[in-house]
């Protein structure tokens, strides 16, 4: 039984290079990916720079992902933004975990459970969407808190579990240091995802645990991916195995190259202006 996941900091629908608000580019790319689960960060809600749109509603209507949970993180005088999980199947046992450290910018994680149903079979999956802080000590504390929180800490080790998000992982060290000891493996190779138009930092990640096998995973590339946000999206094709099956290593991992002709609408022109450094 397969599951296709995208994790993406959509930057409120604002291009990282051209600084233009165009949520249609975000929608177009996610439609091309055709995920079962979307883990999105920096999703705007009533924010003036995003035309006051409630983006989870726009995304829900445009994509075939009708079940949504939204966790607002940053609130301003008008609107704000946060994390969202969009799913093909109903979401249960949803939780917001506050990962804010001291006086630093508000951060959090969304947790949910879904039951994947295909061909008369079903399998429970636990989904987690994170957006971690900018300081190394902050990220370390946030991951320690996340791994120890309820109900996460009590999940059966064989239950399929997906953790994705913008980890602000400048050096790619969070997986080996914190997630691997907790039983996780990275879905795909460590890849640079920021800034999208010329990536030099592996800020984002998808990790899995339990009775799963990663068949294909990597950064979704191409002109649209490099212009729609300041981060590249990550995509993983995951096989959900029965409890009796033995977990094996990924059969393939690497960058997912996308030709512009494969997209439903031609990608927008890219720009070489400097990307936003707000993460």
Protein backbone atom coordinates (compact mmCIF):
# COMPACT_ATOMS: atom_id res chain seq x y z
CA UNK A 1 0.00 0.00 0.00
CA UNK A 2 1.61 3.23 -1.12
CA UNK A 3 1.55 6.78 0.23
CA UNK A 4 2.87 9.89 -1.54
CA UNK A 5 3.94 12.78 0.69
CA UNK A 6 5.06 16.33 -0.07
CA UNK A 7 6.71 18.58 2.51
CA UNK A 8 7.07 22.22 1.51
CA UNK A 9 7.55 25.64 3.04
CA UNK A 10 5.30 27.56 0.64
CA UNK A 11 6.47 31.00 1.88
CA UNK A 12 2.87 32.26 2.05
CA UNK A 13 2.58 31.83 -1.73
CA UNK A 14 5.29 34.45 -2.34
CA UNK A 15 8.08 33.67 -4.77
CA UNK A 16 11.51 33.55 -3.16
CA UNK A 17 13.18 35.31 -6.09
CA UNK A 18 10.54 37.54 -7.69
CA UNK A 19 8.74 38.33 -4.38
CA UNK A 20 5.38 38.12 -6.15
CA UNK A 21 2.32 36.73 -4.42
CA UNK A 22 0.97 33.97 -6.64
CA UNK A 23 -0.72 31.13 -4.80
CA UNK A 24 -1.63 29.69 -8.20
CA UNK A 25 2.01 28.60 -8.60
CA UNK A 26 1.82 26.75 -5.28
CA UNK A 27 -1.39 25.03 -6.32
CA UNK A 28 -0.05 24.16 -9.76
CA UNK A 29 3.03 22.46 -8.36
CA UNK A 30 1.14 20.46 -5.73
CA UNK A 31 -1.32 19.36 -8.41
CA UNK A 32 1.62 18.11 -10.48
CA UNK A 33 2.97 16.13 -7.51
CA UNK A 34 -0.45 14.55 -6.77
CA UNK A 35 0.30 13.78 -3.11
CA UNK A 36 -1.87 11.90 -0.67
CA UNK A 37 -0.55 14.03 2.20
CA UNK A 38 0.80 17.59 2.08
CA UNK A 39 2.86 18.93 4.99
CA UNK A 40 2.99 22.68 4.42
CA UNK A 41 4.71 25.42 6.40
CA UNK A 42 4.17 29.21 6.29
CA UNK A 43 0.55 28.95 5.18
CA UNK A 44 -1.06 32.39 5.42
CA UNK A 45 -4.42 33.21 6.98
CA UNK A 46 -5.95 36.66 6.52
CA UNK A 47 -2.54 38.26 5.95
CA UNK A 48 -2.49 41.52 3.92
CA UNK A 49 0.56 40.53 1.85
CA UNK A 50 -1.36 37.40 0.81
CA UNK A 51 -4.51 39.32 -0.19
CA UNK A 52 -6.18 38.39 3.12
CA UNK A 53 -6.83 34.91 1.75
CA UNK A 54 -7.35 31.90 4.00
CA UNK A 55 -4.90 29.74 2.13
CA UNK A 56 -5.92 26.40 3.64
CA UNK A 57 -9.39 26.94 2.18
CA UNK A 58 -7.95 27.90 -1.21
CA UNK A 59 -5.70 24.84 -1.20
CA UNK A 60 -8.43 22.50 0.03
CA UNK A 61 -10.73 23.56 -2.79
CA UNK A 62 -8.09 23.45 -5.53
CA UNK A 63 -6.47 20.15 -4.54
CA UNK A 64 -7.96 16.72 -4.06
CA UNK A 65 -7.02 16.87 -0.37
CA UNK A 66 -10.26 17.69 1.44
CA UNK A 67 -9.20 16.99 5.04
CA UNK A 68 -7.20 19.75 6.70
CA UNK A 69 -5.77 20.71 10.07
CA UNK A 70 -4.16 24.13 10.53
CA UNK A 71 -1.92 25.31 13.34
CA UNK A 72 -1.46 29.10 13.43
CA UNK A 73 2.01 30.05 14.65
CA UNK A 74 2.60 33.74 13.94
CA UNK A 75 -0.15 36.32 14.50
CA UNK A 76 0.03 39.97 13.52
CA UNK A 77 -2.37 42.90 13.78
CA UNK A 78 -3.95 41.49 10.65
CA UNK A 79 -3.75 37.77 10.01
CA UNK A 80 -0.73 35.52 10.27
CA UNK A 81 0.61 32.17 9.13
CA UNK A 82 1.32 28.67 10.36
CA UNK A 83 1.54 24.97 9.51
CA UNK A 84 -1.03 22.83 7.74
CA UNK A 85 -1.63 19.16 7.01
CA UNK A 86 -3.82 18.38 4.01
CA UNK A 87 -4.84 14.77 3.44
CA UNK A 88 -6.82 12.55 1.10
CA UNK A 89 -8.40 10.72 4.04
CA UNK A 90 -9.95 11.99 7.31
CA UNK A 91 -7.56 13.19 10.01
CA UNK A 92 -8.02 11.98 13.58
CA UNK A 93 -6.44 12.68 16.98
CA UNK A 94 -5.04 16.01 15.83
CA UNK A 95 -2.71 17.85 18.19
CA UNK A 96 -0.72 21.06 18.18
CA UNK A 97 2.58 20.88 20.07
CA UNK A 98 4.08 24.18 21.19
CA UNK A 99 7.80 24.13 20.44
CA UNK A 100 8.50 27.77 21.27
CA UNK A 101 11.75 28.21 23.21
CA UNK A 102 11.85 31.18 25.58
CA UNK A 103 11.58 34.57 23.92
CA UNK A 104 12.24 33.23 20.43
CA UNK A 105 9.82 33.21 17.51
CA UNK A 106 6.78 31.01 18.05
CA UNK A 107 7.24 27.52 16.61
CA UNK A 108 5.16 24.36 16.68
CA UNK A 109 4.35 20.92 15.36
CA UNK A 110 1.11 19.45 14.05
CA UNK A 111 0.30 15.81 14.69
CA UNK A 112 -2.50 13.75 13.19
CA UNK A 113 -3.48 10.18 12.45
CA UNK A 114 -5.04 8.98 9.22
CA UNK A 115 -6.16 5.62 7.87
CA UNK A 116 -4.92 5.00 4.34
CA UNK A 117 -7.49 3.00 2.39
CA UNK A 118 -6.73 1.39 -0.96
CA UNK A 119 -8.20 -1.63 -2.71
CA UNK A 120 -10.11 -2.86 0.30
CA UNK A 121 -7.06 -2.62 2.57
CA UNK A 122 -6.28 -0.05 5.23
CA UNK A 123 -3.28 1.04 7.29
CA UNK A 124 -2.94 3.62 10.04
CA UNK A 125 -0.26 6.30 9.61
CA UNK A 126 0.80 8.97 12.10
CA UNK A 127 1.76 12.28 10.44
CA UNK A 128 3.85 15.10 11.90
CA UNK A 129 4.55 18.54 10.43
CA UNK A 130 7.30 20.67 12.02
CA UNK A 131 8.77 24.13 11.56
CA UNK A 132 11.84 24.53 13.75
CA UNK A 133 13.78 27.61 14.82
CA UNK A 134 16.82 29.40 13.44
CA UNK A 135 19.30 28.81 16.30
CA UNK A 136 21.08 25.49 16.73
CA UNK A 137 20.38 25.24 20.46
CA UNK A 138 16.75 26.12 19.79
CA UNK A 139 16.34 23.33 17.23
CA UNK A 140 17.96 20.82 19.56
CA UNK A 141 15.57 21.70 22.39
CA UNK A 142 12.59 21.61 20.03
CA UNK A 143 13.40 18.13 18.74
CA UNK A 144 14.02 16.81 22.26
CA UNK A 145 10.65 18.22 23.31
CA UNK A 146 8.91 16.85 20.22
CA UNK A 147 10.29 13.32 20.65
CA UNK A 148 9.25 13.29 24.32
CA UNK A 149 5.75 14.71 23.87
CA UNK A 150 2.48 12.85 24.19
CA UNK A 151 1.09 11.05 22.32
CA UNK A 152 4.19 10.81 20.13
CA UNK A 153 6.37 9.17 22.77
CA UNK A 154 3.88 6.31 23.22
CA UNK A 155 3.46 5.32 19.56
CA UNK A 156 4.26 1.69 18.74
CA UNK A 157 7.67 1.54 17.00
CA UNK A 158 6.15 -0.47 14.12
CA UNK A 159 3.35 2.01 13.42
CA UNK A 160 4.09 3.83 10.14
CA UNK A 161 5.13 7.33 11.08
CA UNK A 162 6.09 10.29 8.89
CA UNK A 163 7.84 13.44 10.13
CA UNK A 164 8.36 16.26 7.67
CA UNK A 165 8.86 19.98 7.60
CA UNK A 166 11.15 22.95 7.51
CA UNK A 167 13.73 21.96 10.10
CA UNK A 168 16.05 24.89 9.34
CA UNK A 169 18.73 22.19 9.35
CA UNK A 170 21.67 24.26 8.12
CA UNK A 171 24.23 21.45 8.25
CA UNK A 172 22.04 18.37 7.84
CA UNK A 173 22.94 17.19 11.34
CA UNK A 174 19.52 16.91 13.00
CA UNK A 175 18.68 13.54 11.45
CA UNK A 176 21.79 11.68 12.62
CA UNK A 177 21.91 13.42 16.00
CA UNK A 178 18.26 13.31 17.08
CA UNK A 179 15.97 11.38 14.73
CA UNK A 180 18.09 8.34 13.85
CA UNK A 181 18.52 7.38 17.56
CA UNK A 182 14.70 7.49 17.81
CA UNK A 183 14.38 4.96 14.98
CA UNK A 184 13.91 7.28 11.99
CA UNK A 185 15.54 7.15 8.60
CA UNK A 186 15.69 10.01 6.14
CA UNK A 187 13.45 9.56 3.10
CA UNK A 188 15.98 10.11 0.35
CA UNK A 189 19.42 11.63 0.33
CA UNK A 190 20.33 14.77 2.20
CA UNK A 191 19.59 17.52 -0.33
CA UNK A 192 19.86 21.28 -0.45
CA UNK A 193 16.47 22.98 -0.61
CA UNK A 194 17.18 26.64 0.19
CA UNK A 195 17.18 29.08 -1.52
CA UNK A 196 14.98 27.44 -4.14
CA UNK A 197 16.50 29.12 -7.19
CA UNK A 198 20.05 27.99 -6.23
CA UNK A 199 19.93 25.70 -3.18
CA UNK A 200 22.92 25.63 -0.84
CA UNK A 201 21.34 24.54 2.49
CA UNK A 202 19.46 21.30 3.37
CA UNK A 203 16.86 23.04 5.53
CA UNK A 204 13.97 20.65 4.89
CA UNK A 205 13.46 16.94 5.50
CA UNK A 206 11.12 13.97 5.46
CA UNK A 207 11.81 11.12 7.89
CA UNK A 208 10.01 7.80 8.37
CA UNK A 209 9.81 5.13 11.03
CA UNK A 210 8.02 1.83 11.50
CA UNK A 211 6.80 -0.72 8.96
CA UNK A 212 7.56 1.35 5.87
CA UNK A 213 9.84 1.30 2.85
CA UNK A 214 10.84 4.41 0.89
CA UNK A 215 10.72 3.68 -2.84
CA UNK A 216 11.53 7.13 -4.19
CA UNK A 217 12.29 10.45 -2.54
CA UNK A 218 13.95 13.73 -3.33
CA UNK A 219 13.64 17.41 -4.10
CA UNK A 220 11.04 18.34 -6.71
CA UNK A 221 12.87 20.52 -9.19
CA UNK A 222 12.13 22.51 -12.31
CA UNK A 223 11.35 26.15 -13.12
CA UNK A 224 8.09 26.26 -11.17
CA UNK A 225 9.63 24.72 -8.05
CA UNK A 226 12.46 27.26 -8.18
CA UNK A 227 10.13 30.26 -8.51
CA UNK A 228 7.01 29.50 -6.44
CA UNK A 229 8.66 29.72 -2.99
CA UNK A 230 12.03 30.28 -1.34
CA UNK A 231 12.24 26.53 -0.54
CA UNK A 232 12.19 23.53 -2.86
CA UNK A 233 9.56 20.92 -1.98
CA UNK A 234 10.50 17.40 -0.96
CA UNK A 235 8.47 14.43 -2.20
CA UNK A 236 8.54 10.83 -0.94
CA UNK A 237 6.84 7.69 -2.22
CA UNK A 238 6.40 5.40 0.77
CA UNK A 239 5.24 1.80 0.92
CA UNK A 240 3.19 0.92 4.01
CA UNK A 241 3.90 -2.67 4.94
CA UNK A 242 2.05 -5.05 7.20
CA UNK A 243 3.45 -5.52 10.67
CA UNK A 244 4.92 -8.87 9.73
CA UNK A 245 6.96 -7.49 6.88
CA UNK A 246 10.58 -6.69 7.48
CA UNK A 247 11.62 -3.08 6.94
CA UNK A 248 14.24 -2.70 4.23
CA UNK A 249 16.39 0.14 3.02
CA UNK A 250 15.08 2.55 0.37
CA UNK A 251 15.20 1.06 -3.13
CA UNK A 252 15.95 4.45 -4.69
CA UNK A 253 16.63 7.92 -3.39
CA UNK A 254 17.65 11.08 -5.13
CA UNK A 255 16.56 14.26 -6.83
CA UNK A 256 13.28 14.15 -8.72
CA UNK A 257 13.91 16.03 -11.94
CA UNK A 258 10.83 17.64 -13.46
CA UNK A 259 10.67 18.78 -17.06
CA UNK A 260 8.51 21.91 -17.52
CA UNK A 261 6.46 20.08 -20.17
CA UNK A 262 5.26 17.68 -17.48
CA UNK A 263 3.52 20.48 -15.60
CA UNK A 264 -0.14 21.23 -16.42
CA UNK A 265 0.59 24.92 -17.01
CA UNK A 266 3.87 26.52 -18.09
CA UNK A 267 6.00 27.75 -15.21
CA UNK A 268 6.38 31.43 -14.51
CA UNK A 269 9.53 33.31 -15.48
CA UNK A 270 12.17 33.13 -12.78
CA UNK A 271 14.12 36.06 -11.42
CA UNK A 272 17.68 36.42 -10.17
CA UNK A 273 16.92 38.88 -7.39
CA UNK A 274 17.91 37.92 -3.86
CA UNK A 275 15.55 35.58 -1.96
CA UNK A 276 13.99 36.35 1.38
CA UNK A 277 16.02 35.26 4.39
CA UNK A 278 12.95 35.03 6.65
CA UNK A 279 12.52 31.42 7.67
